[in-house]
C-alpha cells in the first residue's frame, strides 16, 4: 500500500475527531514515556551484560558434593504405605 500525504492527513483528521486533542496528547505522552522506559531498560541490560562478561564470578565450594545415605537397602524391606495388605 502506498500512502500519500492526503491519505495520512485524512487519517489524522478522523483520529482527531474520534479521540479529541486532549486524549491524543495524553496518548502521545504515554507512548513517549513507554518508549523512553524501554530504551532505558535495554541500556541497563546491556550494561549488566557487559559487566558480567568482564568480571565472571563463580562460587567455589571446598566441600564435596552432598551424599545421601541409603535409608533402605534394596530388597530388604518394602516401604510402609500406611495401609495393611
Protein backbone atom coordinates (compact mmCIF):
# COMPACT_ATOMS: atom_id res chain seq x y z
CA UNK A 1 0.00 0.00 0.00
CA UNK A 2 1.24 3.42 -0.87
CA UNK A 3 0.16 6.21 1.49
CA UNK A 4 0.44 9.69 0.13
CA UNK A 5 0.16 12.93 2.10
CA UNK A 6 -3.59 13.29 1.51
CA UNK A 7 -4.34 9.82 2.87
CA UNK A 8 -2.29 10.41 6.04
CA UNK A 9 -3.96 13.80 6.55
CA UNK A 10 -7.44 12.26 6.27
CA UNK A 11 -6.49 9.51 8.75
CA UNK A 12 -5.14 12.07 11.22
CA UNK A 13 -8.29 14.23 10.95
CA UNK A 14 -10.53 11.18 11.56
CA UNK A 15 -8.44 10.11 14.57
CA UNK A 16 -8.57 13.68 15.92
CA UNK A 17 -12.36 13.74 15.59
CA UNK A 18 -12.74 10.36 17.29
CA UNK A 19 -10.38 10.86 20.24
CA UNK A 20 -10.10 14.63 20.58
CA UNK A 21 -7.00 16.75 21.06
CA UNK A 22 -6.61 16.27 24.80
CA UNK A 23 -6.83 12.48 24.58
CA UNK A 24 -4.35 12.39 21.69
CA UNK A 25 -1.88 14.45 23.74
CA UNK A 26 -2.25 12.02 26.65
CA UNK A 27 -1.79 9.02 24.37
CA UNK A 28 1.32 10.63 22.85
CA UNK A 29 2.81 11.38 26.27
CA UNK A 30 2.15 7.84 27.48
CA UNK A 31 3.66 6.38 24.33
CA UNK A 32 6.75 8.59 24.69
CA UNK A 33 7.23 7.53 28.33
CA UNK A 34 6.89 3.89 27.34
CA UNK A 35 9.48 4.19 24.57
CA UNK A 36 11.91 6.02 26.90
CA UNK A 37 11.42 3.39 29.59
CA UNK A 38 12.03 0.60 27.08
CA UNK A 39 15.23 2.21 25.82
CA UNK A 40 16.43 2.77 29.40
CA UNK A 41 15.78 -0.88 30.27
CA UNK A 42 17.63 -2.04 27.17
CA UNK A 43 20.65 0.14 28.02
CA UNK A 44 20.69 -1.14 31.61
CA UNK A 45 20.53 -4.71 30.33
CA UNK A 46 23.48 -4.09 28.03
CA UNK A 47 25.47 -2.57 30.90
CA UNK A 48 24.73 -5.57 33.15
CA UNK A 49 25.65 -7.98 30.37
CA UNK A 50 28.97 -6.27 29.66
CA UNK A 51 29.76 -6.07 33.39
CA UNK A 52 29.01 -9.75 33.92
CA UNK A 53 31.12 -10.84 30.95
CA UNK A 54 34.05 -8.67 32.08
CA UNK A 55 34.05 -10.00 35.66
CA UNK A 56 32.71 -13.54 35.75
CA UNK A 57 32.16 -14.76 39.28
CA UNK A 58 31.82 -18.36 40.29
CA UNK A 59 31.02 -19.78 43.67
CA UNK A 60 33.58 -22.36 44.60
CA UNK A 61 32.95 -24.87 47.31
CA UNK A 62 35.69 -26.58 49.26
CA UNK A 63 33.34 -29.36 50.38
CA UNK A 64 32.48 -32.33 48.24
CA UNK A 65 29.03 -32.85 46.80
CA UNK A 66 26.29 -33.85 49.17
CA UNK A 67 25.77 -37.57 49.50
CA UNK A 68 22.56 -39.01 50.82
CA UNK A 69 22.73 -42.10 52.99
CA UNK A 70 20.71 -45.04 51.85
CA UNK A 71 17.73 -45.35 54.15
CA UNK A 72 16.69 -48.71 52.81
CA UNK A 73 18.75 -51.49 51.38
CA UNK A 74 17.43 -52.77 48.10
CA UNK A 75 15.11 -55.72 48.56
CA UNK A 76 15.42 -55.92 52.34
CA UNK A 77 12.21 -54.20 53.28
CA UNK A 78 9.16 -52.87 51.44
CA UNK A 79 8.24 -49.23 52.08
CA UNK A 80 5.47 -48.65 54.59
CA UNK A 81 2.41 -47.20 52.92
CA UNK A 82 0.13 -46.75 55.89
CA UNK A 83 -2.32 -49.47 54.93
CA UNK A 84 -2.22 -53.13 55.79
CA UNK A 85 -2.16 -55.67 52.98
